Amino acid sequence: MVEKGKISPGQFALLLYSLTAYDGLLLIPKITGEAAGRDLWLSPIWAHLVGVSFVLAMLWLSRMFPKETSIAYSKRVFGKLAGKLAGIVILFYGFYLTSVVLRIYSNFISSVFLESTPSFIIAGGIMFLVSYAVRGGGEVLGRLAQLFLPVTIVVFVLLTILTIPEWNVSNALPIMGKGMAPSLKGAIVPITWFSGYLLLGMYFPLLSNQRKAKLFVLIVWLGEMVTLAMSGLVSVFLFGEYASTLNYPFVEVVRYIGLGDFFQHIDALLLAVWLPGTFIELTTYLYAAVTGMAEWTGLKDYRALAFPLGFLALVVSFWGISSDVDFDRYLATSHIFLDSTFIAFGLILFLTAWIRSKLGAWKAK
């Protein structure tokens, strides 16, 4: 390990929560609604019931090698050469996800709030802050998550409650009127989002109390499921099957909020939920890429890589995909394939380690 800091199980849980909750908050109604219709809110539930198996597999790996990151124990599982290649895959994925989330962030901010500001400037501003935070180490990221994310959860609940007067519950009926097939089909994309848990092994050695890891990971899993299902359900209550036709359905949900003549147009309050959460998500991915690269190359001070890799992620996020339409098409095609590939990689890593443990290659700890 190149990092000596420690984080609490609660901080660890909040970092993991950021991996899917905040992007899903904006995107889940549109992504699942195309296939699931009014049952789009059920798709995240099915996705989580399937995805928990991958989460537990990654947790099992980390608990077997509690003092090693996934970069290190890959060499023990696959052998030195193949393990080195596996390490590249893991650190590349952290870098890749940083660039994808950064582009999602810049597209959203430029299209909803800062229409006249170039996307590259928007992305560059937050990437500078993300890189600076990553230089602080795992303890800093854990404390930032502990500071910001509970507030975002409270604000999300408040925004949801304020939309209640506008709900039309009949929009969600009949539930599964066409059977389970549409909502199951809508769950395909959210299932691939669990690929981010491949990076769980980069944080597990930092835990101050590893025995509580499973409990907190399962709490995160449940929290993510509730968040995504609620964002979808509220969208259905307000827009019915038309929720999937909106670019950012939850933004339109917040725009419905109004109390008298003095509490109107508070869509900017959504930034109090989404912006801090996305910031933590970006730091979580970039930190994994930076520390993974340092460990893979044998560099003792990972902080020197934070700004170079952050700048490279900024460039890659706009490289080759100029328009927002092309990027949305990429998210719906090639990105899903890559996420599925990394889930398969993680499962191969888990199965290889499990088989070797049964054959007595090492003793589980």
Protein backbone atom coordinates (compact mmCIF):
# COMPACT_ATOMS: atom_id res chain seq x y z
CA MET A 1 0.00 0.00 0.00
CA VAL A 2 1.11 3.54 -0.74
CA GLU A 3 -1.45 5.08 1.64
CA LYS A 4 -1.14 4.83 5.43
CA GLY A 5 -4.27 6.76 6.44
CA LYS A 6 -7.40 5.26 7.98
CA ILE A 7 -11.12 5.74 7.42
CA SER A 8 -14.04 4.63 9.57
CA PRO A 9 -16.63 2.09 8.35
CA GLY A 10 -19.18 4.90 8.13
CA GLN A 11 -16.91 6.99 5.90
CA PHE A 12 -16.20 3.92 3.81
CA ALA A 13 -19.95 3.38 3.39
CA LEU A 14 -20.53 6.98 2.28
CA LEU A 15 -17.77 6.74 -0.33
CA LEU A 16 -19.39 3.60 -1.73
CA TYR A 17 -22.84 5.24 -1.66
CA SER A 18 -21.57 7.98 -3.97
CA LEU A 19 -20.63 5.47 -6.68
CA THR A 20 -24.15 5.07 -8.10
CA ALA A 21 -26.62 7.12 -6.06
CA TYR A 22 -26.06 10.59 -7.52
CA ASP A 23 -25.79 9.77 -11.22
CA GLY A 24 -28.73 7.41 -10.80
CA LEU A 25 -30.77 10.14 -9.13
CA LEU A 26 -30.75 12.10 -12.39
CA LEU A 27 -30.60 9.31 -14.95
CA ILE A 28 -32.59 6.34 -13.61
CA PRO A 29 -36.09 7.48 -14.74
CA LYS A 30 -34.94 8.09 -18.30
CA ILE A 31 -32.71 5.02 -18.62
CA THR A 32 -35.14 2.51 -17.13
CA GLY A 33 -38.34 4.20 -18.35
CA GLU A 34 -37.69 3.46 -22.02
CA ALA A 35 -38.17 -0.25 -21.33
CA ALA A 36 -40.18 -0.33 -18.10
CA GLY A 37 -42.71 2.47 -18.64
CA ARG A 38 -44.65 3.25 -15.45
CA ASP A 39 -42.79 0.41 -13.67
CA LEU A 40 -39.44 2.18 -14.07
CA TRP A 41 -39.10 2.55 -10.29
CA LEU A 42 -39.04 -1.24 -9.92
CA SER A 43 -35.99 -1.63 -12.17
CA PRO A 44 -33.46 -0.35 -9.58
CA ILE A 45 -34.87 -2.83 -7.07
CA TRP A 46 -34.34 -5.79 -9.43
CA ALA A 47 -30.89 -4.43 -10.32
CA HIS A 48 -29.87 -4.26 -6.67
CA LEU A 49 -31.17 -7.74 -5.92
CA VAL A 50 -28.87 -9.04 -8.66
CA GLY A 51 -25.98 -6.64 -8.07
CA VAL A 52 -25.59 -7.49 -4.39
CA SER A 53 -23.92 -10.76 -5.41
CA PHE A 54 -21.12 -8.85 -7.14
CA VAL A 55 -20.79 -6.48 -4.17
CA LEU A 56 -20.44 -9.40 -1.76
CA ALA A 57 -17.94 -11.11 -4.07
CA MET A 58 -15.71 -8.02 -4.06
CA LEU A 59 -16.09 -7.75 -0.28
CA TRP A 60 -15.12 -11.43 0.13
CA LEU A 61 -11.94 -10.81 -1.86
CA SER A 62 -11.00 -7.85 0.30
CA ARG A 63 -11.65 -9.74 3.52
CA MET A 64 -9.43 -12.57 2.31
CA PHE A 65 -6.55 -10.12 1.79
CA PRO A 66 -7.35 -7.45 4.41
CA LYS A 67 -4.00 -5.67 4.31
CA GLU A 68 -3.62 -5.61 0.53
CA THR A 69 -5.26 -3.55 -2.18
CA SER A 70 -6.73 -5.22 -5.25
CA ILE A 71 -3.60 -4.19 -7.16
CA ALA A 72 -1.51 -6.29 -4.77
CA TYR A 73 -3.71 -9.34 -4.28
CA SER A 74 -4.34 -9.69 -8.03
CA LYS A 75 -0.74 -10.89 -8.32
CA ARG A 76 -1.36 -13.49 -5.63
CA VAL A 77 -4.53 -14.69 -7.33
CA PHE A 78 -3.37 -14.74 -10.97
CA GLY A 79 0.39 -14.97 -10.60
CA LYS A 80 2.98 -12.24 -11.06
CA LEU A 81 2.64 -11.49 -14.79
CA ALA A 82 -1.11 -11.94 -15.16
CA GLY A 83 -1.59 -10.14 -11.86
CA LYS A 84 0.37 -7.18 -13.17
CA LEU A 85 -1.95 -7.02 -16.17
CA ALA A 86 -4.96 -7.31 -13.87
CA GLY A 87 -3.62 -4.36 -11.87
CA ILE A 88 -3.59 -2.26 -15.04
CA VAL A 89 -7.23 -3.18 -15.64
CA ILE A 90 -8.24 -2.06 -12.14
CA LEU A 91 -6.41 1.27 -12.15
CA PHE A 92 -7.54 1.96 -15.72
CA TYR A 93 -11.14 1.45 -14.71
CA GLY A 94 -10.82 3.99 -11.90
CA PHE A 95 -9.41 6.47 -14.39
CA TYR A 96 -12.02 5.66 -17.03
CA LEU A 97 -14.94 6.11 -14.63
CA THR A 98 -13.50 9.45 -13.53
CA SER A 99 -13.61 10.72 -17.12
CA VAL A 100 -17.15 9.40 -17.74
CA VAL A 101 -18.62 10.90 -14.56
CA LEU A 102 -16.82 14.17 -15.28
CA ARG A 103 -18.49 14.37 -18.69
CA ILE A 104 -21.92 13.59 -17.18
CA TYR A 105 -21.32 16.39 -14.66
CA SER A 106 -20.28 18.97 -17.26
CA ASN A 107 -23.18 18.09 -19.58
CA PHE A 108 -25.71 18.45 -16.79
CA ILE A 109 -24.38 21.74 -15.42
CA SER A 110 -23.98 23.34 -18.85
CA SER A 111 -27.44 22.30 -20.07
CA VAL A 112 -29.43 23.13 -16.92
CA PHE A 113 -27.63 25.87 -15.00
CA LEU A 114 -24.73 27.46 -16.94
CA GLU A 115 -25.83 27.35 -20.55
CA SER A 116 -23.38 30.03 -21.74
CA THR A 117 -20.32 28.54 -20.04
CA PRO A 118 -18.14 26.14 -22.06
CA SER A 119 -18.37 22.59 -20.74
CA PHE A 120 -14.59 22.27 -20.65
CA ILE A 121 -14.35 25.18 -18.20
CA ILE A 122 -17.04 23.67 -15.97
CA ALA A 123 -15.31 20.29 -15.96
CA GLY A 124 -11.87 21.83 -15.47
CA GLY A 125 -12.99 23.73 -12.37
CA ILE A 126 -14.28 20.74 -10.49
CA MET A 127 -11.42 18.50 -11.63
CA PHE A 128 -8.92 20.92 -10.11
CA LEU A 129 -10.74 20.65 -6.77
CA VAL A 130 -11.04 16.87 -7.09
CA SER A 131 -7.32 16.47 -7.79
CA TYR A 132 -6.45 18.71 -4.85
CA ALA A 133 -8.68 16.67 -2.55
CA VAL A 134 -7.13 13.40 -3.75
CA ARG A 135 -3.68 14.73 -2.81
CA GLY A 136 -4.94 14.91 0.76
CA GLY A 137 -5.33 11.13 0.94
CA GLY A 138 -7.97 8.66 2.00
CA GLU A 139 -8.60 10.25 5.40
CA VAL A 140 -9.43 13.58 3.77
CA LEU A 141 -11.84 11.90 1.33
CA GLY A 142 -13.52 10.06 4.19
CA ARG A 143 -14.00 13.25 6.18
CA LEU A 144 -15.31 15.15 3.16
CA ALA A 145 -17.84 12.37 2.54
CA GLN A 146 -18.84 12.48 6.20
CA LEU A 147 -19.25 16.26 6.00
CA PHE A 148 -21.17 16.55 2.72
CA LEU A 149 -23.16 13.41 2.01
CA PRO A 150 -25.44 13.28 5.07
CA VAL A 151 -26.58 16.81 4.18
CA THR A 152 -27.35 15.74 0.61
CA ILE A 153 -29.46 12.84 1.88
CA VAL A 154 -31.46 15.16 4.15
CA VAL A 155 -32.04 17.64 1.32
CA PHE A 156 -33.12 14.83 -1.04
CA VAL A 157 -35.68 13.64 1.50
CA LEU A 158 -36.90 17.22 2.01
CA LEU A 159 -37.28 17.81 -1.74
CA THR A 160 -39.20 14.55 -2.08
CA ILE A 161 -41.57 15.50 0.73
CA LEU A 162 -42.23 18.93 -0.81
CA THR A 163 -43.44 17.32 -4.04
CA ILE A 164 -46.17 15.30 -2.27
CA PRO A 165 -48.99 17.82 -2.99
CA GLU A 166 -48.41 17.33 -6.73
CA TRP A 167 -48.40 13.53 -6.69
CA ASN A 168 -50.85 11.55 -8.75
CA VAL A 169 -50.46 8.05 -7.36
CA SER A 170 -52.69 6.59 -10.07
CA ASN A 171 -49.88 7.26 -12.57
CA ALA A 172 -48.04 4.25 -11.11
CA LEU A 173 -51.04 1.92 -11.48
CA PRO A 174 -51.42 -0.83 -12.41
CA ILE A 175 -48.12 -2.04 -10.99
CA MET A 176 -46.62 -4.64 -13.34
CA GLY A 177 -49.69 -4.37 -15.53
CA LYS A 178 -47.68 -5.93 -18.36
CA GLY A 179 -45.93 -8.42 -16.12
CA MET A 180 -42.39 -8.33 -14.75
CA ALA A 181 -40.66 -8.37 -18.14
CA PRO A 182 -40.60 -4.58 -18.79
CA SER A 183 -39.15 -3.69 -15.38
CA LEU A 184 -36.63 -6.55 -15.61
CA LYS A 185 -35.53 -5.29 -19.01
CA GLY A 186 -35.16 -1.81 -17.55
CA ALA A 187 -32.87 -3.24 -14.86
CA ILE A 188 -30.18 -4.33 -17.34
CA VAL A 189 -28.36 -0.98 -17.42
CA PRO A 190 -28.47 -0.32 -13.64
CA ILE A 191 -27.00 -3.77 -13.03
CA THR A 192 -23.87 -2.76 -14.96
CA TRP A 193 -23.39 0.23 -12.63
CA PHE A 194 -22.26 -2.17 -9.92
CA SER A 195 -18.99 -2.53 -11.83
CA GLY A 196 -17.73 0.43 -9.78
CA TYR A 197 -17.51 -1.89 -6.78
CA LEU A 198 -14.52 -3.46 -8.49
CA LEU A 199 -12.61 -0.62 -6.80
CA LEU A 200 -13.81 -1.61 -3.33
CA GLY A 201 -10.51 -3.38 -2.77
CA MET A 202 -8.60 -0.11 -3.11
CA TYR A 203 -10.27 1.22 0.05
CA PHE A 204 -10.73 -1.84 2.26
CA PRO A 205 -7.15 -1.81 3.68
CA LEU A 206 -7.78 1.76 4.93
CA LEU A 207 -10.63 0.65 7.18
CA SER A 208 -10.05 1.19 10.91
CA ASN A 209 -12.53 -1.60 11.76
CA GLN A 210 -12.77 -4.19 9.01
CA ARG A 211 -15.10 -6.47 10.96
CA LYS A 212 -17.96 -4.01 10.46
CA ALA A 213 -17.38 -3.70 6.72
CA LYS A 214 -20.07 -6.18 5.64
CA LEU A 215 -22.77 -4.50 7.73
CA PHE A 216 -22.00 -1.05 6.36
CA VAL A 217 -21.71 -2.29 2.78
CA LEU A 218 -25.17 -3.85 3.01
CA ILE A 219 -26.55 -0.62 4.50
CA VAL A 220 -25.10 1.24 1.51
CA TRP A 221 -26.64 -1.29 -0.87
CA LEU A 222 -30.06 -0.76 0.70
CA GLY A 223 -29.64 3.02 0.76
CA GLU A 224 -28.75 3.15 -2.93
CA MET A 225 -31.75 0.97 -3.81
CA VAL A 226 -34.15 3.20 -1.85
CA THR A 227 -32.69 6.39 -3.35
CA LEU A 228 -32.96 5.22 -6.96
CA ALA A 229 -36.37 3.61 -6.51
CA MET A 230 -37.75 6.75 -4.83
CA SER A 231 -36.41 9.09 -7.52
CA GLY A 232 -38.08 6.91 -10.13
CA LEU A 233 -41.34 6.55 -8.23
CA VAL A 234 -41.69 10.30 -7.62
CA SER A 235 -41.02 10.92 -11.32
CA VAL A 236 -43.81 8.48 -12.20
CA PHE A 237 -46.20 10.09 -9.72
CA LEU A 238 -45.64 13.45 -11.43
CA PHE A 239 -45.15 12.55 -15.09
CA GLY A 240 -46.39 9.01 -15.55
CA GLU A 241 -44.96 7.24 -18.57
CA TYR A 242 -43.69 10.58 -19.91
CA ALA A 243 -40.87 10.58 -17.31
CA SER A 244 -38.62 8.70 -19.73
CA THR A 245 -38.98 11.45 -22.35
CA LEU A 246 -37.30 14.06 -20.12
CA ASN A 247 -33.52 14.53 -20.18
CA TYR A 248 -33.29 15.01 -16.41
CA PRO A 249 -36.61 13.96 -14.89
CA PHE A 250 -35.70 14.73 -11.28
CA VAL A 251 -34.87 18.32 -12.23
CA GLU A 252 -38.44 18.65 -13.48
CA VAL A 253 -39.64 17.03 -10.26
CA VAL A 254 -37.94 19.75 -8.20
CA ARG A 255 -39.41 22.45 -10.44
CA TYR A 256 -42.85 21.32 -9.36
CA ILE A 257 -42.12 22.43 -5.81
CA GLY A 258 -43.84 25.61 -4.73
CA LEU A 259 -45.14 26.95 -1.41
CA GLY A 260 -47.22 30.04 -1.86
CA ASP A 261 -45.73 32.96 -3.79
CA PHE A 262 -42.48 33.15 -1.86
CA PHE A 263 -41.03 29.64 -2.35
CA GLN A 264 -40.77 29.04 -6.09
CA HIS A 265 -38.20 27.92 -8.70
CA ILE A 266 -35.88 26.15 -6.29
CA ASP A 267 -34.36 23.79 -8.85
CA ALA A 268 -30.96 25.21 -7.93
CA LEU A 269 -31.47 23.51 -4.55
CA LEU A 270 -30.98 20.24 -6.40
CA LEU A 271 -27.31 21.22 -6.64
CA ALA A 272 -27.17 20.90 -2.85
CA VAL A 273 -27.85 17.21 -3.39
CA TRP A 274 -26.13 16.40 -6.64
CA LEU A 275 -22.99 18.58 -6.73
CA PRO A 276 -21.41 17.45 -3.41
CA GLY A 277 -22.32 13.84 -4.18
CA THR A 278 -20.76 13.96 -7.63
CA PHE A 279 -17.66 15.65 -6.20
CA ILE A 280 -17.20 12.77 -3.74
CA GLU A 281 -17.86 10.25 -6.52
CA LEU A 282 -15.15 11.80 -8.68
CA THR A 283 -12.64 11.84 -5.82
CA THR A 284 -13.44 8.20 -5.03
CA TYR A 285 -12.70 7.08 -8.58
CA LEU A 286 -9.65 9.31 -9.12
CA TYR A 287 -8.12 8.30 -5.79
CA ALA A 288 -8.37 4.64 -6.79
CA ALA A 289 -6.67 5.41 -10.11
CA VAL A 290 -3.92 7.55 -8.55
CA THR A 291 -3.01 5.20 -5.70
CA GLY A 292 -3.35 2.21 -8.02
CA MET A 293 -0.93 3.73 -10.50
CA ALA A 294 1.54 4.58 -7.75
CA GLU A 295 1.41 1.06 -6.31
CA TRP A 296 1.65 -0.58 -9.73
CA THR A 297 4.73 1.48 -10.72
CA GLY A 298 6.36 1.34 -7.28
CA LEU A 299 6.11 5.10 -6.76
CA LYS A 300 6.29 5.94 -3.05
CA ASP A 301 4.45 9.27 -3.14
CA TYR A 302 1.13 8.93 -4.99
CA ARG A 303 0.31 12.63 -4.56
CA ALA A 304 2.56 13.55 -7.46
CA LEU A 305 0.13 11.75 -9.80
CA ALA A 306 -3.07 13.48 -8.68
CA PHE A 307 -2.95 16.56 -10.92
CA PRO A 308 -1.44 14.84 -14.00
CA LEU A 309 -4.06 12.05 -13.96
CA GLY A 310 -6.79 14.56 -13.16
CA PHE A 311 -5.83 16.68 -16.17
CA LEU A 312 -5.63 13.57 -18.37
CA ALA A 313 -9.12 12.51 -17.24
CA LEU A 314 -10.37 15.99 -18.15
CA VAL A 315 -8.96 15.68 -21.66
CA VAL A 316 -10.22 12.13 -22.16
CA SER A 317 -13.75 13.08 -21.04
CA PHE A 318 -14.10 15.25 -24.17
CA TRP A 319 -11.79 13.32 -26.48
CA GLY A 320 -13.50 11.85 -29.55
CA ILE A 321 -17.09 12.58 -28.43
CA SER A 322 -17.84 16.20 -29.14
CA SER A 323 -21.64 16.47 -28.89
CA ASP A 324 -23.94 15.64 -26.00
CA VAL A 325 -26.08 13.51 -28.30
CA ASP A 326 -23.09 11.33 -29.24
CA PHE A 327 -22.15 11.01 -25.57
CA ASP A 328 -25.67 9.88 -24.64
CA ARG A 329 -25.48 7.30 -27.41
CA TYR A 330 -22.10 6.16 -26.09
CA LEU A 331 -23.52 5.74 -22.57
CA ALA A 332 -26.31 3.56 -23.98
CA THR A 333 -23.99 1.32 -26.02
CA SER A 334 -20.21 1.07 -25.59
CA HIS A 335 -20.19 2.18 -21.96
CA ILE A 336 -22.65 -0.57 -20.98
CA PHE A 337 -20.47 -3.13 -22.75
CA LEU A 338 -17.36 -1.91 -20.88
CA ASP A 339 -19.13 -1.96 -17.52
CA SER A 340 -20.31 -5.52 -18.20
CA THR A 341 -16.77 -6.52 -19.16
CA PHE A 342 -15.36 -5.22 -15.88
CA ILE A 343 -18.06 -7.03 -13.91
CA ALA A 344 -16.99 -10.21 -15.70
CA PHE A 345 -13.35 -9.43 -14.84
CA GLY A 346 -14.23 -8.99 -11.17
CA LEU A 347 -16.12 -12.27 -11.11
CA ILE A 348 -13.19 -14.09 -12.72
CA LEU A 349 -10.90 -12.60 -10.07
CA PHE A 350 -13.29 -13.74 -7.33
CA LEU A 351 -13.82 -17.25 -8.73
CA THR A 352 -10.10 -17.81 -9.22
CA ALA A 353 -9.37 -16.74 -5.65
CA TRP A 354 -12.23 -18.87 -4.30
CA ILE A 355 -11.09 -21.98 -6.17
CA ARG A 356 -7.49 -21.52 -5.07
CA SER A 357 -8.59 -21.03 -1.47
CA LYS A 358 -10.48 -24.35 -1.65
CA LEU A 359 -7.37 -26.01 -3.03
CA GLY A 360 -5.36 -24.69 -0.09
CA ALA A 361 -3.28 -22.11 -1.96
CA TRP A 362 -3.62 -19.82 1.08
CA LYS A 363 -5.61 -19.56 4.23
CA ALA A 364 -8.52 -17.12 4.36
CA LYS A 365 -8.14 -14.51 7.06
